[in-house]
N, C-alpha and C. Protein backbone atom coordinates (compact mmCIF):
# COMPACT_ATOMS: atom_id res chain seq x y z
N LEU A 1 2.62 33.87 15.87
CA LEU A 1 3.08 34.21 14.74
C LEU A 1 4.26 34.34 14.59
N GLU A 2 5.22 33.47 13.67
CA GLU A 2 6.56 33.50 13.58
C GLU A 2 7.13 33.87 12.31
N ARG A 3 8.02 34.68 12.07
CA ARG A 3 8.54 34.95 10.95
C ARG A 3 10.18 34.76 11.01
N HIS A 4 10.95 34.64 10.05
CA HIS A 4 12.22 34.48 9.91
C HIS A 4 12.67 35.89 8.96
N LEU A 5 13.86 36.48 9.64
CA LEU A 5 14.10 37.50 8.89
C LEU A 5 15.78 37.16 8.81
N ASN A 6 16.38 36.90 7.87
CA ASN A 6 17.83 36.46 7.57
C ASN A 6 18.05 35.05 8.65
N ASN A 7 18.94 35.32 9.52
CA ASN A 7 19.13 34.64 10.62
C ASN A 7 18.27 34.80 11.96
N THR A 8 17.39 35.59 11.85
CA THR A 8 16.99 35.98 13.05
C THR A 8 15.09 35.46 13.14
N LYS A 9 14.72 35.16 14.06
CA LYS A 9 13.57 34.59 14.60
C LYS A 9 12.72 35.81 15.07
N VAL A 10 11.49 36.06 14.55
CA VAL A 10 10.70 36.97 15.16
C VAL A 10 9.62 36.31 15.69
N GLN A 11 8.93 36.27 16.88
CA GLN A 11 7.95 35.76 17.27
C GLN A 11 6.89 36.75 17.76
N VAL A 12 5.63 36.74 17.31
CA VAL A 12 4.40 37.71 17.51
C VAL A 12 3.81 36.98 18.33
N GLU A 13 3.23 37.70 19.50
CA GLU A 13 2.25 36.94 20.32
C GLU A 13 1.31 38.13 20.72
N ILE A 14 -0.12 37.51 20.61
CA ILE A 14 -0.87 38.54 21.14
C ILE A 14 -1.76 38.09 22.08
N PRO A 15 -1.49 38.57 23.41
CA PRO A 15 -2.32 38.18 24.80
C PRO A 15 -3.89 38.21 24.48
N GLY A 16 -4.26 37.48 25.47
CA GLY A 16 -5.78 37.37 25.22
C GLY A 16 -6.41 38.91 25.39
N ASP A 17 -6.31 39.52 26.39
CA ASP A 17 -6.67 40.83 26.43
C ASP A 17 -5.92 41.84 25.94
N HIS A 18 -5.77 41.63 24.71
CA HIS A 18 -4.72 42.53 23.96
C HIS A 18 -4.90 44.15 24.14
N GLY A 19 -5.74 44.37 24.42
CA GLY A 19 -6.42 46.02 24.46
C GLY A 19 -5.83 46.68 25.82
N ASP A 20 -5.43 45.98 26.75
CA ASP A 20 -4.87 46.58 27.75
C ASP A 20 -3.41 46.54 28.10
N PRO A 21 -2.95 47.78 27.96
CA PRO A 21 -1.34 47.77 27.94
C PRO A 21 -0.67 47.08 29.15
N LYS A 22 -1.18 47.18 30.22
CA LYS A 22 -0.43 46.62 31.59
C LYS A 22 -0.54 45.30 31.34
N PHE A 23 -1.72 44.54 30.79
CA PHE A 23 -1.93 43.21 30.52
C PHE A 23 -0.69 42.61 29.49
N VAL A 24 -0.49 43.55 28.36
CA VAL A 24 0.49 43.32 27.40
C VAL A 24 1.90 43.17 28.11
N VAL A 25 2.24 44.14 28.75
CA VAL A 25 3.50 44.08 29.49
C VAL A 25 3.70 43.03 30.45
N GLU A 26 2.76 42.53 31.26
CA GLU A 26 2.80 41.30 32.15
C GLU A 26 2.76 40.31 31.28
N ALA A 27 2.08 40.14 30.26
CA ALA A 27 2.29 38.87 29.26
C ALA A 27 3.80 38.59 28.87
N ALA A 28 4.21 39.74 28.44
CA ALA A 28 5.51 39.70 27.78
C ALA A 28 6.64 39.24 28.89
N LYS A 29 6.44 40.01 30.07
CA LYS A 29 7.32 39.51 31.23
C LYS A 29 7.33 38.19 31.50
N ARG A 30 5.94 37.89 31.74
CA ARG A 30 5.91 36.17 31.90
C ARG A 30 6.51 35.54 30.89
N ARG A 31 6.35 35.58 29.57
CA ARG A 31 6.93 34.84 28.62
C ARG A 31 8.23 34.94 28.87
N ARG A 32 9.01 35.97 28.72
CA ARG A 32 10.33 36.25 28.61
C ARG A 32 10.94 35.56 29.80
N ASP A 33 10.18 35.42 31.19
CA ASP A 33 10.90 35.17 32.33
C ASP A 33 10.60 33.50 32.25
N ALA A 34 9.60 32.97 31.62
CA ALA A 34 9.31 31.52 31.31
C ALA A 34 10.67 31.16 30.54
N ASP A 35 10.90 31.67 29.60
CA ASP A 35 11.91 31.34 28.22
C ASP A 35 13.27 31.20 29.32
N ALA A 36 13.55 32.41 30.13
CA ALA A 36 14.81 32.35 30.81
C ALA A 36 15.10 31.34 31.54
N ARG A 37 14.13 30.92 32.39
CA ARG A 37 13.74 29.91 33.39
C ARG A 37 14.12 28.62 32.81
N GLU A 38 13.62 28.07 31.49
CA GLU A 38 13.54 27.02 30.75
C GLU A 38 15.18 26.77 30.24
N ALA A 39 15.50 28.05 29.90
CA ALA A 39 17.01 28.16 29.26
C ALA A 39 18.04 27.52 30.50
N LYS A 40 17.83 28.17 31.46
CA LYS A 40 18.86 27.83 32.88
C LYS A 40 18.45 26.32 33.03
N ARG A 41 17.53 25.86 33.22
CA ARG A 41 17.02 24.28 33.47
C ARG A 41 17.73 23.52 32.40
N LEU A 42 18.02 24.17 31.34
CA LEU A 42 18.72 23.39 29.98
C LEU A 42 20.20 23.49 30.07
N ASN A 43 20.59 24.42 30.82
CA ASN A 43 21.62 25.26 30.47
C ASN A 43 21.97 25.58 29.08
N ASP A 44 21.16 26.44 29.05
CA ASP A 44 21.35 26.96 27.36
C ASP A 44 20.98 28.47 27.46
N ARG A 45 21.34 29.17 26.48
CA ARG A 45 21.04 30.56 26.48
C ARG A 45 19.39 30.77 26.25
N PRO A 46 18.81 32.12 26.86
CA PRO A 46 17.57 32.39 26.43
C PRO A 46 17.12 32.52 24.76
N GLY A 47 16.06 32.24 24.76
CA GLY A 47 15.61 31.89 23.36
C GLY A 47 15.57 33.69 22.56
N PHE A 48 15.35 34.50 23.74
CA PHE A 48 14.70 35.89 23.33
C PHE A 48 16.06 36.94 23.66
N ASP A 49 16.56 37.78 22.23
CA ASP A 49 17.52 38.49 22.73
C ASP A 49 16.78 39.90 23.13
N GLU A 50 15.46 40.21 22.76
CA GLU A 50 14.96 41.30 22.81
C GLU A 50 13.50 40.96 23.29
N VAL A 51 12.78 41.45 23.97
CA VAL A 51 11.13 41.42 24.19
C VAL A 51 10.65 43.00 23.83
N TRP A 52 9.66 43.14 23.14
CA TRP A 52 8.99 44.26 22.85
C TRP A 52 7.65 44.24 22.98
N CYS A 53 7.06 45.24 23.45
CA CYS A 53 5.45 45.50 23.42
C CYS A 53 4.97 46.60 22.47
N VAL A 54 4.11 46.35 21.90
CA VAL A 54 3.35 47.03 21.10
C VAL A 54 1.76 47.56 21.52
N PHE A 55 1.76 48.92 21.81
CA PHE A 55 0.22 49.04 22.43
C PHE A 55 -0.05 50.48 22.13
N ASP A 56 -1.46 50.73 22.18
CA ASP A 56 -2.02 51.86 21.73
C ASP A 56 -1.89 52.67 23.40
N GLY A 57 -2.12 54.24 23.24
CA GLY A 57 -2.12 54.83 24.47
C GLY A 57 -3.66 55.27 24.97
N ASP A 58 -4.18 55.72 23.74
CA ASP A 58 -5.48 56.40 23.99
C ASP A 58 -6.75 55.43 24.94
N LYS A 59 -7.47 56.17 25.79
CA LYS A 59 -8.64 55.37 26.44
C LYS A 59 -8.12 54.19 27.32
N HIS A 60 -6.96 54.33 27.72
CA HIS A 60 -6.38 53.00 28.38
C HIS A 60 -5.73 53.58 29.81
N GLU A 61 -6.29 53.40 30.97
CA GLU A 61 -6.13 53.81 32.38
C GLU A 61 -4.72 53.38 32.63
N HIS A 62 -4.12 52.33 32.38
CA HIS A 62 -2.90 51.75 32.54
C HIS A 62 -1.79 52.08 31.81
N PHE A 63 -1.90 52.80 30.66
CA PHE A 63 -0.90 53.02 29.89
C PHE A 63 0.35 53.96 30.32
N LYS A 64 0.20 54.94 31.08
CA LYS A 64 1.68 55.20 31.62
C LYS A 64 2.26 54.11 32.67
N GLY A 65 1.65 53.61 33.52
CA GLY A 65 2.19 52.39 34.40
C GLY A 65 2.61 51.42 33.52
N ALA A 66 1.86 51.10 32.40
CA ALA A 66 2.30 49.93 31.81
C ALA A 66 3.77 50.30 30.88
N CYS A 67 3.86 51.80 30.50
CA CYS A 67 5.11 52.01 29.77
C CYS A 67 6.10 52.12 30.80
N GLN A 68 6.25 52.50 32.01
CA GLN A 68 6.89 52.34 33.16
C GLN A 68 7.40 50.89 33.47
N MET A 69 6.22 50.38 33.44
CA MET A 69 6.69 48.61 33.76
C MET A 69 7.47 47.84 32.72
N ALA A 70 7.24 48.40 31.42
CA ALA A 70 8.28 47.90 30.24
C ALA A 70 9.60 48.44 30.55
N ARG A 71 9.71 49.62 30.82
CA ARG A 71 10.93 50.30 30.88
C ARG A 71 11.81 49.63 32.05
N ASP A 72 10.99 49.48 33.11
CA ASP A 72 11.88 48.96 34.48
C ASP A 72 12.21 47.46 34.38
N SER A 73 11.68 46.94 33.17
CA SER A 73 11.89 45.42 33.00
C SER A 73 12.84 44.93 32.07
N GLY A 74 13.46 46.29 31.41
CA GLY A 74 14.03 46.03 30.25
C GLY A 74 13.28 45.51 28.88
N ILE A 75 12.06 46.05 28.94
CA ILE A 75 11.18 45.46 27.60
C ILE A 75 11.35 46.72 26.69
N GLY A 76 11.51 46.38 25.19
CA GLY A 76 11.38 47.73 24.24
C GLY A 76 9.89 47.80 24.35
N LEU A 77 9.72 49.30 24.11
CA LEU A 77 8.43 49.73 23.99
C LEU A 77 8.21 50.45 22.69
N ALA A 78 7.05 50.04 21.84
CA ALA A 78 6.46 50.62 20.90
C ALA A 78 5.21 51.24 20.93
N ALA A 79 5.07 52.24 21.96
CA ALA A 79 3.77 52.58 22.30
C ALA A 79 3.58 53.64 21.38
N SER A 80 2.08 53.79 20.94
CA SER A 80 1.76 55.08 20.31
C SER A 80 0.59 55.70 20.85
N ASN A 81 0.61 56.88 20.80
CA ASN A 81 -0.75 57.73 21.39
C ASN A 81 -0.97 58.94 20.16
N PRO A 82 -2.40 58.65 19.63
CA PRO A 82 -3.48 58.00 20.36
C PRO A 82 -3.32 56.41 19.97
N CYS A 83 -2.93 55.96 18.95
CA CYS A 83 -3.18 54.78 18.36
C CYS A 83 -1.80 54.45 17.47
N PHE A 84 -1.75 53.05 17.03
CA PHE A 84 -0.78 52.60 16.26
C PHE A 84 -0.92 53.33 14.86
N GLU A 85 -2.05 53.60 14.40
CA GLU A 85 -2.50 53.95 12.96
C GLU A 85 -1.90 55.44 13.03
N LEU A 86 -1.29 56.20 14.06
CA LEU A 86 -0.37 57.28 13.82
C LEU A 86 0.65 56.96 13.06
N TRP A 87 1.34 55.91 13.40
CA TRP A 87 2.62 55.47 12.71
C TRP A 87 2.27 55.43 11.23
N LEU A 88 1.39 54.62 10.84
CA LEU A 88 0.86 54.82 9.59
C LEU A 88 0.63 55.96 8.87
N LEU A 89 -0.13 56.79 9.61
CA LEU A 89 -0.56 58.24 9.09
C LEU A 89 0.88 58.99 8.69
N LEU A 90 1.71 59.15 9.48
CA LEU A 90 2.87 59.67 9.58
C LEU A 90 3.75 59.39 8.09
N HIS A 91 3.45 58.09 7.42
CA HIS A 91 3.78 58.08 6.23
C HIS A 91 3.43 58.90 5.22
N PHE A 92 2.12 59.71 5.31
CA PHE A 92 1.71 60.41 4.43
C PHE A 92 1.33 61.89 4.90
N GLU A 93 1.19 62.08 6.03
CA GLU A 93 0.85 63.42 6.43
C GLU A 93 1.99 63.62 7.78
N ASP A 94 2.16 64.92 8.04
CA ASP A 94 3.09 65.38 9.29
C ASP A 94 2.11 65.52 10.50
N VAL A 95 2.06 65.19 11.42
CA VAL A 95 1.21 65.12 12.48
C VAL A 95 1.63 66.16 13.61
N ARG A 96 1.03 67.13 13.97
CA ARG A 96 1.84 67.88 14.95
C ARG A 96 0.85 67.97 16.19
N SER A 97 -0.23 67.95 16.39
CA SER A 97 -1.09 68.02 17.23
C SER A 97 -1.95 66.79 17.44
N GLN A 98 -2.35 66.69 18.78
CA GLN A 98 -3.35 65.35 19.26
C GLN A 98 -4.52 65.32 18.32
N LEU A 99 -4.58 64.11 17.89
CA LEU A 99 -5.88 63.79 17.24
C LEU A 99 -6.63 62.47 17.71
N HIS A 100 -7.95 62.52 17.70
CA HIS A 100 -8.60 61.15 18.27
C HIS A 100 -8.46 60.26 17.37
N ARG A 101 -8.35 58.84 17.83
CA ARG A 101 -8.23 57.81 17.32
C ARG A 101 -9.05 57.57 16.05
N ASP A 102 -10.36 58.27 16.15
CA ASP A 102 -10.99 58.04 14.98
C ASP A 102 -10.57 59.21 13.67
N GLU A 103 -10.23 60.37 14.14
CA GLU A 103 -9.66 61.12 13.40
C GLU A 103 -8.43 60.60 12.70
N VAL A 104 -7.49 59.86 13.43
CA VAL A 104 -6.60 59.37 12.87
C VAL A 104 -6.80 58.35 11.45
N SER A 105 -7.87 57.28 11.93
CA SER A 105 -8.51 56.52 11.17
C SER A 105 -9.04 57.15 9.55
N ARG A 106 -9.78 58.26 10.02
CA ARG A 106 -10.55 58.79 8.87
C ARG A 106 -9.41 59.05 7.86
N ARG A 107 -8.55 60.12 8.45
CA ARG A 107 -7.37 60.63 7.73
C ARG A 107 -6.37 59.58 7.06
N LEU A 108 -6.07 58.32 7.66
CA LEU A 108 -5.60 57.18 7.15
C LEU A 108 -6.12 56.49 6.05
N LYS A 109 -7.46 56.53 6.27
CA LYS A 109 -8.40 56.08 5.00
C LYS A 109 -8.20 56.77 3.46
N ARG A 110 -7.83 58.17 3.91
CA ARG A 110 -7.78 58.88 2.59
C ARG A 110 -6.42 58.40 1.90
N HIS A 111 -5.71 57.82 2.36
CA HIS A 111 -4.62 57.28 1.62
C HIS A 111 -4.34 55.80 1.87
N LEU A 112 -4.97 55.24 2.66
CA LEU A 112 -4.84 53.78 2.36
C LEU A 112 -6.71 53.15 2.38
N PRO A 113 -7.43 53.51 1.55
CA PRO A 113 -8.87 52.99 1.69
C PRO A 113 -9.21 51.59 1.95
N THR A 114 -8.55 50.63 2.13
CA THR A 114 -8.70 49.21 2.49
C THR A 114 -7.91 48.96 3.69
N TYR A 115 -7.65 49.95 4.15
CA TYR A 115 -7.02 49.85 5.66
C TYR A 115 -7.91 49.26 6.46
N GLU A 116 -7.48 48.20 7.36
CA GLU A 116 -8.34 47.89 8.71
C GLU A 116 -7.50 47.59 9.83
N LYS A 117 -8.04 48.01 11.08
CA LYS A 117 -6.89 47.91 12.06
C LYS A 117 -6.63 46.45 12.16
N GLY A 118 -5.33 46.15 12.34
CA GLY A 118 -4.99 44.55 12.65
C GLY A 118 -4.68 44.03 11.23
N MET A 119 -4.83 44.55 10.27
CA MET A 119 -4.73 43.89 8.85
C MET A 119 -3.24 43.65 8.50
N ARG A 120 -2.94 42.68 7.78
CA ARG A 120 -1.64 42.29 7.29
C ARG A 120 -1.53 43.09 6.09
N GLY A 121 0.14 43.17 5.85
CA GLY A 121 0.36 43.93 4.68
C GLY A 121 0.34 45.40 4.60
N SER A 122 0.39 46.04 6.07
CA SER A 122 0.32 47.49 6.11
C SER A 122 1.89 48.08 5.78
N PHE A 123 2.66 47.25 6.33
CA PHE A 123 4.38 47.35 5.99
C PHE A 123 4.52 47.43 4.40
N ALA A 124 3.80 46.58 3.54
CA ALA A 124 4.21 46.55 2.14
C ALA A 124 3.53 47.83 1.51
N MET A 125 2.37 48.29 2.22
CA MET A 125 1.80 49.22 1.72
C MET A 125 2.44 50.77 1.89
N THR A 126 3.38 50.62 2.94
CA THR A 126 3.61 51.93 3.28
C THR A 126 5.14 51.95 3.18
N LYS A 127 5.94 51.00 3.00
CA LYS A 127 7.33 50.99 2.92
C LYS A 127 8.08 51.86 2.12
N ALA A 128 7.48 52.35 1.09
CA ALA A 128 8.03 53.34 -0.03
C ALA A 128 8.16 54.61 0.66
N THR A 129 7.40 54.98 1.69
CA THR A 129 7.67 56.32 2.71
C THR A 129 8.05 55.92 3.94
N LEU A 130 8.92 54.68 4.54
CA LEU A 130 9.46 54.63 5.71
C LEU A 130 10.14 55.64 6.14
N ASP A 131 11.30 56.12 5.12
CA ASP A 131 12.09 57.34 5.56
C ASP A 131 11.52 58.65 6.03
N VAL A 132 10.48 58.92 5.45
CA VAL A 132 9.32 60.15 5.98
C VAL A 132 8.74 59.83 7.30
N ALA A 133 8.27 58.77 7.28
CA ALA A 133 7.56 58.46 8.62
C ALA A 133 8.49 58.39 9.84
N SER A 134 9.69 57.81 9.53
CA SER A 134 10.47 57.80 10.66
C SER A 134 11.06 59.11 11.07
N TYR A 135 11.27 59.95 10.15
CA TYR A 135 11.76 61.24 10.39
C TYR A 135 10.58 62.04 11.23
N ARG A 136 9.41 61.97 10.53
CA ARG A 136 8.49 62.42 11.28
C ARG A 136 8.15 62.03 12.87
N ALA A 137 8.22 60.55 12.76
CA ALA A 137 8.11 60.04 14.30
C ALA A 137 9.06 60.73 15.33
N ARG A 138 10.31 60.53 14.80
CA ARG A 138 11.44 60.90 15.60
C ARG A 138 11.27 62.70 15.94
N ALA A 139 10.55 63.30 15.04
CA ALA A 139 10.51 64.75 15.37
C ALA A 139 9.34 64.93 16.27
N LEU A 140 8.34 64.20 16.46
CA LEU A 140 7.55 64.23 17.19
C LEU A 140 7.99 63.61 18.67
N ALA A 141 8.93 62.67 18.75
CA ALA A 141 9.54 62.05 19.97
C ALA A 141 10.36 63.08 20.75
N SER A 142 11.13 63.91 19.78
CA SER A 142 11.85 65.04 20.21
C SER A 142 11.30 66.15 20.96
N ARG A 143 9.78 66.35 20.88
CA ARG A 143 9.06 67.23 21.34
C ARG A 143 8.21 66.88 22.63
N THR A 144 7.98 65.47 22.77
CA THR A 144 7.16 64.83 23.58
C THR A 144 7.61 63.45 23.89
N SER A 145 6.83 62.88 24.71
CA SER A 145 7.19 61.28 25.12
C SER A 145 5.64 60.75 25.37
N GLU A 146 5.59 59.30 25.36
CA GLU A 146 4.54 58.67 25.24
C GLU A 146 3.62 59.03 26.21
N TYR A 147 4.26 59.59 27.46
CA TYR A 147 3.54 59.85 29.04
C TYR A 147 2.66 61.08 28.79
N GLU A 148 2.76 61.93 27.60
CA GLU A 148 2.00 63.09 27.60
C GLU A 148 0.66 62.59 26.61
N GLU A 149 -0.35 62.59 27.34
CA GLU A 149 -1.58 62.45 26.64
C GLU A 149 -2.14 63.27 25.66
N SER A 150 -1.53 64.56 25.75
CA SER A 150 -2.24 65.81 24.99
C SER A 150 -1.60 65.84 23.91
N GLN A 151 -0.36 64.98 23.56
CA GLN A 151 0.57 65.36 22.09
C GLN A 151 0.84 63.92 21.55
N PRO A 152 0.50 63.88 20.32
CA PRO A 152 0.87 62.66 19.53
C PRO A 152 2.37 62.15 19.66
N PHE A 153 2.30 60.75 19.58
CA PHE A 153 3.69 60.01 19.94
C PHE A 153 3.69 58.61 19.48
N THR A 154 4.79 58.42 18.73
CA THR A 154 4.62 56.90 18.38
C THR A 154 6.38 56.25 18.35
N ALA A 155 6.58 55.29 19.05
CA ALA A 155 7.80 54.68 19.11
C ALA A 155 7.99 53.44 18.36
N VAL A 156 6.93 53.38 17.60
CA VAL A 156 7.02 52.09 16.44
C VAL A 156 8.18 52.39 15.64
N VAL A 157 8.46 53.54 15.48
CA VAL A 157 9.83 53.77 14.43
C VAL A 157 11.09 52.95 15.12
N GLU A 158 11.15 52.89 16.32
CA GLU A 158 12.48 52.32 16.92
C GLU A 158 12.15 50.83 16.74
N LEU A 159 11.13 50.32 17.16
CA LEU A 159 10.94 48.93 16.62
C LEU A 159 11.04 48.45 15.06
N VAL A 160 10.79 49.39 14.14
CA VAL A 160 10.95 49.25 12.82
C VAL A 160 12.48 49.22 12.35
N ALA A 161 13.01 50.01 12.92
CA ALA A 161 14.32 50.27 12.76
C ALA A 161 15.35 49.17 13.23
N LEU A 162 15.00 48.72 14.10
CA LEU A 162 15.43 47.39 14.82
C LEU A 162 15.39 46.35 14.09
N LEU A 163 14.05 46.01 13.42
CA LEU A 163 13.84 44.84 12.42
C LEU A 163 14.36 45.18 11.06
N SER A 164 14.40 46.16 10.77
CA SER A 164 14.80 46.42 9.32
C SER A 164 16.42 46.39 9.72
N SER A 165 17.02 46.65 10.58
CA SER A 165 18.34 46.38 10.54
C SER A 165 18.84 44.89 10.75
N LEU A 166 18.11 43.93 10.81
CA LEU A 166 18.15 42.38 10.99
C LEU A 166 18.33 41.81 9.75
């Protein structure tokens, strides 16, 4: 999926086993490194200024390792614990304690009854409360990190801020 924001090209790729965070980071590294090799071969600059990974933390045994691998590789990380939908829920509710992904989905459905995981248009449905969600996500981040499985966390706010600035 490719989108253009002003003079910026955003390319979204979903690796085959997109549920495993380690696989997502490894795929991002391979793609970035292949792009850099091709740019060097052509005596050109790499096509990617930044590479980011977005994935959920719950029920993934490789979550912590994938987060560390992304950081060690200079890859941006928009991880969420327990799931991406926490970011969307923060547009409507303040969340201060860990919720199971099913509870996050149930509560999100109260606000967005038609929401389905992975559906398009969630940004348009939530952009009116982007500032509130950003404040809440940063408040969570000030108390915990993606490595603490017992606490809610989302760094999607950082990727959204970057994209909004373009």
